[in-house]
Amino acid sequence: LDAIDAGIVKAAGLDVLETEPLTNPNERILKYDNVVLTPHFAFNSEESFDELRRKVVQSAINVLKGDLHYNVVNKKFLESK
């Protein structure tokens, strides 16, 4: 929000907030016309579910093939084994 106030960021679309749910109607973030908030639901589309299904199947195929390096966050851990 400070970056928006400073003109560094022109607008923001947020699906995850530091504190959820927002319960105070006077929250600073609610005062911005150039901030769009969604309730942890912005991913919800047919396309996103299709992509999720595809990635799950691809991950399962890769594991069955013995490729454990696909879509791994901590590859150094796997390399140490």
PDB file of N, CA and C in Angstrom:
ATOM      1  N   LEU A   1       0.829  -1.203   0.000  1.00  0.00           N
ATOM      2  CA  LEU A   1       0.000   0.000   0.000  1.00  0.00           C
ATOM      3  C   LEU A   1       0.864   1.254   0.000  1.00  0.00           C
ATOM      4  N   ASP A   2       1.993   1.152   0.676  1.00  0.00           N
ATOM      5  CA  ASP A   2       2.924   2.291   0.653  1.00  0.00           C
ATOM      6  C   ASP A   2       3.432   2.529  -0.763  1.00  0.00           C
ATOM      7  N   ALA A   3       3.659   1.440  -1.514  1.00  0.00           N
ATOM      8  CA  ALA A   3       4.127   1.564  -2.898  1.00  0.00           C
ATOM      9  C   ALA A   3       3.041   2.177  -3.778  1.00  0.00           C
ATOM     10  N   ILE A   4       1.798   1.880  -3.515  1.00  0.00           N
ATOM     11  CA  ILE A   4       0.699   2.508  -4.261  1.00  0.00           C
ATOM     12  C   ILE A   4       0.648   3.999  -3.926  1.00  0.00           C
ATOM     13  N   ASP A   5       0.747   4.302  -2.650  1.00  0.00           N
ATOM     14  CA  ASP A   5       0.736   5.709  -2.230  1.00  0.00           C
ATOM     15  C   ASP A   5       1.887   6.494  -2.852  1.00  0.00           C
ATOM     16  N   ALA A   6       3.034   5.843  -3.025  1.00  0.00           N
ATOM     17  CA  ALA A   6       4.212   6.507  -3.582  1.00  0.00           C
ATOM     18  C   ALA A   6       4.190   6.531  -5.105  1.00  0.00           C
ATOM     19  N   GLY A   7       3.205   5.892  -5.733  1.00  0.00           N
ATOM     20  CA  GLY A   7       3.125   5.868  -7.184  1.00  0.00           C
ATOM     21  C   GLY A   7       4.016   4.825  -7.830  1.00  0.00           C
ATOM     22  N   ILE A   8       4.636   3.977  -7.040  1.00  0.00           N
ATOM     23  CA  ILE A   8       5.504   2.922  -7.573  1.00  0.00           C
ATOM     24  C   ILE A   8       4.656   1.808  -8.177  1.00  0.00           C
ATOM     25  N   VAL A   9       3.591   1.470  -7.503  1.00  0.00           N
ATOM     26  CA  VAL A   9       2.632   0.470  -7.988  1.00  0.00           C
ATOM     27  C   VAL A   9       1.354   1.217  -8.335  1.00  0.00           C
ATOM     28  N   LYS A  10       0.859   0.987  -9.539  1.00  0.00           N
ATOM     29  CA  LYS A  10      -0.333   1.718  -9.995  1.00  0.00           C
ATOM     30  C   LYS A  10      -1.638   1.085  -9.533  1.00  0.00           C
ATOM     31  N   ALA A  11      -1.635  -0.258  -9.405  1.00  0.00           N
ATOM     32  CA  ALA A  11      -2.841  -0.966  -9.000  1.00  0.00           C
ATOM     33  C   ALA A  11      -2.441  -2.353  -8.521  1.00  0.00           C
ATOM     34  N   ALA A  12      -3.350  -3.019  -7.812  1.00  0.00           N
ATOM     35  CA  ALA A  12      -3.051  -4.363  -7.323  1.00  0.00           C
ATOM     36  C   ALA A  12      -4.322  -5.193  -7.325  1.00  0.00           C
ATOM     37  N   GLY A  13      -4.156  -6.449  -7.655  1.00  0.00           N
ATOM     38  CA  GLY A  13      -5.221  -7.434  -7.533  1.00  0.00           C
ATOM     39  C   GLY A  13      -4.729  -8.487  -6.569  1.00  0.00           C
ATOM     40  N   LEU A  14      -5.391  -8.655  -5.461  1.00  0.00           N
ATOM     41  CA  LEU A  14      -4.911  -9.535  -4.391  1.00  0.00           C
ATOM     42  C   LEU A  14      -5.937 -10.608  -4.060  1.00  0.00           C
ATOM     43  N   ASP A  15      -5.442 -11.837  -3.942  1.00  0.00           N
ATOM     44  CA  ASP A  15      -6.291 -12.959  -3.573  1.00  0.00           C
ATOM     45  C   ASP A  15      -5.923 -13.492  -2.197  1.00  0.00           C
ATOM     46  N   VAL A  16      -4.764 -13.102  -1.685  1.00  0.00           N
ATOM     47  CA  VAL A  16      -4.291 -13.539  -0.379  1.00  0.00           C
ATOM     48  C   VAL A  16      -3.842 -12.307   0.390  1.00  0.00           C
ATOM     49  N   LEU A  17      -4.264 -12.216   1.624  1.00  0.00           N
ATOM     50  CA  LEU A  17      -3.908 -11.077   2.456  1.00  0.00           C
ATOM     51  C   LEU A  17      -3.139 -11.552   3.677  1.00  0.00           C
ATOM     52  N   GLU A  18      -2.382 -10.651   4.262  1.00  0.00           N
ATOM     53  CA  GLU A  18      -1.596 -11.001   5.444  1.00  0.00           C
ATOM     54  C   GLU A  18      -2.497 -11.468   6.579  1.00  0.00           C
ATOM     55  N   THR A  19      -3.613 -10.803   6.769  1.00  0.00           N
ATOM     56  CA  THR A  19      -4.572 -11.176   7.810  1.00  0.00           C
ATOM     57  C   THR A  19      -5.905 -11.465   7.151  1.00  0.00           C
ATOM     58  N   GLU A  20      -6.414 -12.652   7.369  1.00  0.00           N
ATOM     59  CA  GLU A  20      -7.713 -13.033   6.805  1.00  0.00           C
ATOM     60  C   GLU A  20      -8.548 -13.690   7.889  1.00  0.00           C
ATOM     61  N   PRO A  21      -9.830 -13.509   7.865  1.00  0.00           N
ATOM     62  CA  PRO A  21     -10.542 -12.596   6.970  1.00  0.00           C
ATOM     63  C   PRO A  21     -10.458 -11.162   7.477  1.00  0.00           C
ATOM     64  N   LEU A  22     -10.724 -10.243   6.575  1.00  0.00           N
ATOM     65  CA  LEU A  22     -10.806  -8.844   6.982  1.00  0.00           C
ATOM     66  C   LEU A  22     -12.106  -8.660   7.750  1.00  0.00           C
ATOM     67  N   THR A  23     -12.005  -8.195   8.955  1.00  0.00           N
ATOM     68  CA  THR A  23     -13.213  -8.011   9.766  1.00  0.00           C
ATOM     69  C   THR A  23     -13.478  -6.556  10.108  1.00  0.00           C
ATOM     70  N   ASN A  24     -12.474  -5.719   9.936  1.00  0.00           N
ATOM     71  CA  ASN A  24     -12.603  -4.305  10.262  1.00  0.00           C
ATOM     72  C   ASN A  24     -12.945  -3.526   8.994  1.00  0.00           C
ATOM     73  N   PRO A  25     -14.138  -2.927   8.928  1.00  0.00           N
ATOM     74  CA  PRO A  25     -14.517  -2.173   7.732  1.00  0.00           C
ATOM     75  C   PRO A  25     -13.657  -0.932   7.494  1.00  0.00           C
ATOM     76  N   ASN A  26     -12.830  -0.583   8.455  1.00  0.00           N
ATOM     77  CA  ASN A  26     -11.954   0.582   8.317  1.00  0.00           C
ATOM     78  C   ASN A  26     -10.531   0.201   7.917  1.00  0.00           C
ATOM     79  N   GLU A  27     -10.304  -1.045   7.504  1.00  0.00           N
ATOM     80  CA  GLU A  27      -8.974  -1.478   7.075  1.00  0.00           C
ATOM     81  C   GLU A  27      -8.458  -0.544   5.989  1.00  0.00           C
ATOM     82  N   ARG A  28      -7.208  -0.195   6.077  1.00  0.00           N
ATOM     83  CA  ARG A  28      -6.583   0.721   5.107  1.00  0.00           C
ATOM     84  C   ARG A  28      -6.755   0.217   3.676  1.00  0.00           C
ATOM     85  N   ILE A  29      -6.568  -1.076   3.460  1.00  0.00           N
ATOM     86  CA  ILE A  29      -6.607  -1.635   2.112  1.00  0.00           C
ATOM     87  C   ILE A  29      -7.965  -1.452   1.434  1.00  0.00           C
ATOM     88  N   LEU A  30      -9.002  -1.317   2.210  1.00  0.00           N
ATOM     89  CA  LEU A  30     -10.357  -1.172   1.656  1.00  0.00           C
ATOM     90  C   LEU A  30     -10.631   0.230   1.135  1.00  0.00           C
ATOM     91  N   LYS A  31      -9.738   1.145   1.374  1.00  0.00           N
ATOM     92  CA  LYS A  31      -9.955   2.542   0.977  1.00  0.00           C
ATOM     93  C   LYS A  31      -9.426   2.855  -0.432  1.00  0.00           C
ATOM     94  N   TYR A  32      -8.827   1.878  -1.093  1.00  0.00           N
ATOM     95  CA  TYR A  32      -8.198   2.105  -2.395  1.00  0.00           C
ATOM     96  C   TYR A  32      -9.124   1.680  -3.529  1.00  0.00           C
ATOM     97  N   ASP A  33      -9.342   2.596  -4.475  1.00  0.00           N
ATOM     98  CA  ASP A  33     -10.133   2.266  -5.663  1.00  0.00           C
ATOM     99  C   ASP A  33      -9.329   1.433  -6.661  1.00  0.00           C
ATOM    100  N   ASN A  34      -8.026   1.465  -6.566  1.00  0.00           N
ATOM    101  CA  ASN A  34      -7.176   0.746  -7.508  1.00  0.00           C
ATOM    102  C   ASN A  34      -6.631  -0.572  -6.932  1.00  0.00           C
ATOM    103  N   VAL A  35      -7.298  -1.088  -5.908  1.00  0.00           N
ATOM    104  CA  VAL A  35      -6.974  -2.403  -5.345  1.00  0.00           C
ATOM    105  C   VAL A  35      -8.220  -3.273  -5.423  1.00  0.00           C
ATOM    106  N   VAL A  36      -8.051  -4.417  -6.075  1.00  0.00           N
ATOM    107  CA  VAL A  36      -9.152  -5.377  -6.195  1.00  0.00           C
ATOM    108  C   VAL A  36      -8.841  -6.552  -5.282  1.00  0.00           C
ATOM    109  N   LEU A  37      -9.769  -6.886  -4.412  1.00  0.00           N
ATOM    110  CA  LEU A  37      -9.608  -8.006  -3.489  1.00  0.00           C
ATOM    111  C   LEU A  37     -10.574  -9.123  -3.861  1.00  0.00           C
ATOM    112  N   THR A  38     -10.089 -10.337  -3.825  1.00  0.00           N
ATOM    113  CA  THR A  38     -10.960 -11.495  -4.032  1.00  0.00           C
ATOM    114  C   THR A  38     -10.797 -12.419  -2.824  1.00  0.00           C
ATOM    115  N   PRO A  39     -11.841 -13.141  -2.473  1.00  0.00           N
ATOM    116  CA  PRO A  39     -11.811 -13.959  -1.251  1.00  0.00           C
ATOM    117  C   PRO A  39     -11.168 -15.323  -1.450  1.00  0.00           C
ATOM    118  N   HIS A  40      -9.869 -15.348  -1.758  1.00  0.00           N
ATOM    119  CA  HIS A  40      -9.157 -16.611  -1.970  1.00  0.00           C
ATOM    120  C   HIS A  40      -9.850 -17.451  -3.033  1.00  0.00           C
ATOM    121  N   PHE A  41     -10.327 -16.805  -4.062  1.00  0.00           N
ATOM    122  CA  PHE A  41     -11.161 -17.481  -5.049  1.00  0.00           C
ATOM    123  C   PHE A  41     -10.811 -17.090  -6.475  1.00  0.00           C
ATOM    124  N   ALA A  42      -9.777 -16.302  -6.647  1.00  0.00           N
ATOM    125  CA  ALA A  42      -9.452 -15.790  -7.975  1.00  0.00           C
ATOM    126  C   ALA A  42      -9.020 -16.889  -8.933  1.00  0.00           C
ATOM    127  N   PHE A  43      -8.526 -18.002  -8.396  1.00  0.00           N
ATOM    128  CA  PHE A  43      -8.082 -19.097  -9.254  1.00  0.00           C
ATOM    129  C   PHE A  43      -9.251 -19.831  -9.897  1.00  0.00           C
ATOM    130  N   ASN A  44     -10.442 -19.632  -9.392  1.00  0.00           N
ATOM    131  CA  ASN A  44     -11.576 -20.476  -9.755  1.00  0.00           C
ATOM    132  C   ASN A  44     -12.079 -20.196 -11.168  1.00  0.00           C
ATOM    133  N   SER A  45     -11.583 -21.005 -12.085  1.00  0.00           N
ATOM    134  CA  SER A  45     -12.063 -20.947 -13.462  1.00  0.00           C
ATOM    135  C   SER A  45     -11.926 -22.345 -14.053  1.00  0.00           C
ATOM    136  N   GLU A  46     -12.632 -22.598 -15.109  1.00  0.00           N
ATOM    137  CA  GLU A  46     -12.525 -23.899 -15.771  1.00  0.00           C
ATOM    138  C   GLU A  46     -11.100 -24.121 -16.267  1.00  0.00           C
ATOM    139  N   GLU A  47     -10.473 -23.061 -16.772  1.00  0.00           N
ATOM    140  CA  GLU A  47      -9.104 -23.172 -17.271  1.00  0.00           C
ATOM    141  C   GLU A  47      -8.122 -23.537 -16.152  1.00  0.00           C
ATOM    142  N   SER A  48      -8.289 -22.931 -14.988  1.00  0.00           N
ATOM    143  CA  SER A  48      -7.359 -23.236 -13.897  1.00  0.00           C
ATOM    144  C   SER A  48      -7.535 -24.673 -13.417  1.00  0.00           C
ATOM    145  N   PHE A  49      -8.757 -25.168 -13.387  1.00  0.00           N
ATOM    146  CA  PHE A  49      -8.972 -26.558 -12.986  1.00  0.00           C
ATOM    147  C   PHE A  49      -8.430 -27.523 -14.033  1.00  0.00           C
ATOM    148  N   ASP A  50      -8.563 -27.173 -15.309  1.00  0.00           N
ATOM    149  CA  ASP A  50      -7.970 -28.004 -16.364  1.00  0.00           C
ATOM    150  C   ASP A  50      -6.457 -28.066 -16.203  1.00  0.00           C
ATOM    151  N   GLU A  51      -5.838 -26.920 -15.943  1.00  0.00           N
ATOM    152  CA  GLU A  51      -4.392 -26.881 -15.767  1.00  0.00           C
ATOM    153  C   GLU A  51      -3.968 -27.674 -14.529  1.00  0.00           C
ATOM    154  N   LEU A  52      -4.709 -27.537 -13.451  1.00  0.00           N
ATOM    155  CA  LEU A  52      -4.407 -28.275 -12.230  1.00  0.00           C
ATOM    156  C   LEU A  52      -4.474 -29.779 -12.474  1.00  0.00           C
ATOM    157  N   ARG A  53      -5.516 -30.232 -13.157  1.00  0.00           N
ATOM    158  CA  ARG A  53      -5.654 -31.658 -13.460  1.00  0.00           C
ATOM    159  C   ARG A  53      -4.479 -32.131 -14.321  1.00  0.00           C
ATOM    160  N   ARG A  54      -4.112 -31.337 -15.311  1.00  0.00           N
ATOM    161  CA  ARG A  54      -3.007 -31.705 -16.194  1.00  0.00           C
ATOM    162  C   ARG A  54      -1.701 -31.820 -15.406  1.00  0.00           C
ATOM    163  N   LYS A  55      -1.443 -30.877 -14.519  1.00  0.00           N
ATOM    164  CA  LYS A  55      -0.213 -30.904 -13.730  1.00  0.00           C
ATOM    165  C   LYS A  55      -0.175 -32.091 -12.773  1.00  0.00           C
ATOM    166  N   VAL A  56      -1.306 -32.438 -12.185  1.00  0.00           N
ATOM    167  CA  VAL A  56      -1.348 -33.589 -11.278  1.00  0.00           C
ATOM    168  C   VAL A  56      -1.040 -34.864 -12.034  1.00  0.00           C
ATOM    169  N   VAL A  57      -1.663 -35.034 -13.194  1.00  0.00           N
ATOM    170  CA  VAL A  57      -1.406 -36.228 -14.001  1.00  0.00           C
ATOM    171  C   VAL A  57       0.048 -36.271 -14.444  1.00  0.00           C
ATOM    172  N   GLN A  58       0.587 -35.146 -14.906  1.00  0.00           N
ATOM    173  CA  GLN A  58       1.977 -35.111 -15.341  1.00  0.00           C
ATOM    174  C   GLN A  58       2.919 -35.421 -14.185  1.00  0.00           C
ATOM    175  N   SER A  59       2.640 -34.910 -13.013  1.00  0.00           N
ATOM    176  CA  SER A  59       3.470 -35.203 -11.844  1.00  0.00           C
ATOM    177  C   SER A  59       3.444 -36.690 -11.516  1.00  0.00           C
ATOM    178  N   ALA A  60       2.265 -37.303 -11.558  1.00  0.00           N
ATOM    179  CA  ALA A  60       2.160 -38.740 -11.291  1.00  0.00           C
ATOM    180  C   ALA A  60       2.942 -39.543 -12.324  1.00  0.00           C
ATOM    181  N   ILE A  61       2.833 -39.182 -13.582  1.00  0.00           N
ATOM    182  CA  ILE A  61       3.576 -39.869 -14.647  1.00  0.00           C
ATOM    183  C   ILE A  61       5.080 -39.754 -14.401  1.00  0.00           C
ATOM    184  N   ASN A  62       5.533 -38.559 -14.069  1.00  0.00           N
ATOM    185  CA  ASN A  62       6.965 -38.344 -13.829  1.00  0.00           C
ATOM    186  C   ASN A  62       7.462 -39.161 -12.648  1.00  0.00           C
ATOM    187  N   VAL A  63       6.696 -39.232 -11.572  1.00  0.00           N
ATOM    188  CA  VAL A  63       7.098 -40.022 -10.413  1.00  0.00           C
ATOM    189  C   VAL A  63       7.170 -41.492 -10.787  1.00  0.00           C
ATOM    190  N   LEU A  64       6.194 -41.988 -11.529  1.00  0.00           N
ATOM    191  CA  LEU A  64       6.198 -43.389 -11.953  1.00  0.00           C
ATOM    192  C   LEU A  64       7.386 -43.703 -12.854  1.00  0.00           C
ATOM    193  N   LYS A  65       7.851 -42.704 -13.589  1.00  0.00           N
ATOM    194  CA  LYS A  65       9.029 -42.879 -14.442  1.00  0.00           C
ATOM    195  C   LYS A  65      10.328 -42.732 -13.650  1.00  0.00           C
ATOM    196  N   GLY A  66      10.218 -42.350 -12.383  1.00  0.00           N
ATOM    197  CA  GLY A  66      11.407 -42.161 -11.559  1.00  0.00           C
ATOM    198  C   GLY A  66      11.973 -40.764 -11.601  1.00  0.00           C
ATOM    199  N   ASP A  67      11.326 -39.858 -12.273  1.00  0.00           N
ATOM    200  CA  ASP A  67      11.779 -38.468 -12.353  1.00  0.00           C
ATOM    201  C   ASP A  67      11.185 -37.686 -11.193  1.00  0.00           C
ATOM    202  N   LEU A  68      11.967 -37.561 -10.135  1.00  0.00           N
ATOM    203  CA  LEU A  68      11.482 -36.864  -8.946  1.00  0.00           C
ATOM    204  C   LEU A  68      11.847 -35.386  -8.950  1.00  0.00           C
ATOM    205  N   HIS A  69      12.463 -34.911 -10.035  1.00  0.00           N
ATOM    206  CA  HIS A  69      12.891 -33.520 -10.096  1.00  0.00           C
ATOM    207  C   HIS A  69      11.868 -32.606 -10.770  1.00  0.00           C
ATOM    208  N   TYR A  70      10.747 -33.135 -11.164  1.00  0.00           N
ATOM    209  CA  TYR A  70       9.727 -32.335 -11.819  1.00  0.00           C
ATOM    210  C   TYR A  70       8.954 -31.536 -10.783  1.00  0.00           C
ATOM    211  N   ASN A  71       8.890 -30.235 -10.946  1.00  0.00           N
ATOM    212  CA  ASN A  71       8.082 -29.376 -10.094  1.00  0.00           C
ATOM    213  C   ASN A  71       8.446 -29.512  -8.614  1.00  0.00           C
ATOM    214  N   VAL A  72       9.738 -29.555  -8.318  1.00  0.00           N
ATOM    215  CA  VAL A  72      10.208 -29.686  -6.949  1.00  0.00           C
ATOM    216  C   VAL A  72      10.756 -28.344  -6.496  1.00  0.00           C
ATOM    217  N   VAL A  73      10.353 -27.912  -5.319  1.00  0.00           N
ATOM    218  CA  VAL A  73      10.811 -26.627  -4.806  1.00  0.00           C
ATOM    219  C   VAL A  73      12.235 -26.737  -4.281  1.00  0.00           C
ATOM    220  N   ASN A  74      12.514 -27.801  -3.523  1.00  0.00           N
ATOM    221  CA  ASN A  74      13.823 -27.951  -2.895  1.00  0.00           C
ATOM    222  C   ASN A  74      14.622 -29.055  -3.592  1.00  0.00           C
ATOM    223  N   LYS A  75      15.135 -28.764  -4.782  1.00  0.00           N
ATOM    224  CA  LYS A  75      15.872 -29.754  -5.555  1.00  0.00           C
ATOM    225  C   LYS A  75      17.173 -30.159  -4.874  1.00  0.00           C
ATOM    226  N   LYS A  76      17.782 -29.289  -4.102  1.00  0.00           N
ATOM    227  CA  LYS A  76      19.019 -29.627  -3.398  1.00  0.00           C
ATOM    228  C   LYS A  76      18.791 -30.795  -2.432  1.00  0.00           C
ATOM    229  N   PHE A  77      17.629 -30.852  -1.829  1.00  0.00           N
ATOM    230  CA  PHE A  77      17.314 -31.959  -0.919  1.00  0.00           C
ATOM    231  C   PHE A  77      17.315 -33.274  -1.682  1.00  0.00           C
ATOM    232  N   LEU A  78      16.666 -33.311  -2.848  1.00  0.00           N
ATOM    233  CA  LEU A  78      16.629 -34.532  -3.629  1.00  0.00           C
ATOM    234  C   LEU A  78      18.020 -34.932  -4.104  1.00  0.00           C
ATOM    235  N   GLU A  79      18.831 -33.953  -4.477  1.00  0.00           N
ATOM    236  CA  GLU A  79      20.178 -34.230  -4.965  1.00  0.00           C
ATOM    237  C   GLU A  79      21.076 -34.768  -3.856  1.00  0.00           C
ATOM    238  N   SER A  80      20.752 -34.485  -2.599  1.00  0.00           N
ATOM    239  CA  SER A  80      21.573 -34.971  -1.484  1.00  0.00           C
ATOM    240  C   SER A  80      21.246 -36.407  -1.121  1.00  0.00           C
ATOM    241  N   LYS A  81      20.232 -36.976  -1.710  1.00  0.00           N
ATOM    242  CA  LYS A  81      19.800 -38.350  -1.381  1.00  0.00           C
ATOM    243  C   LYS A  81      20.449 -39.359  -2.285  1.00  0.00           C
TER     244      LYS A  81
END
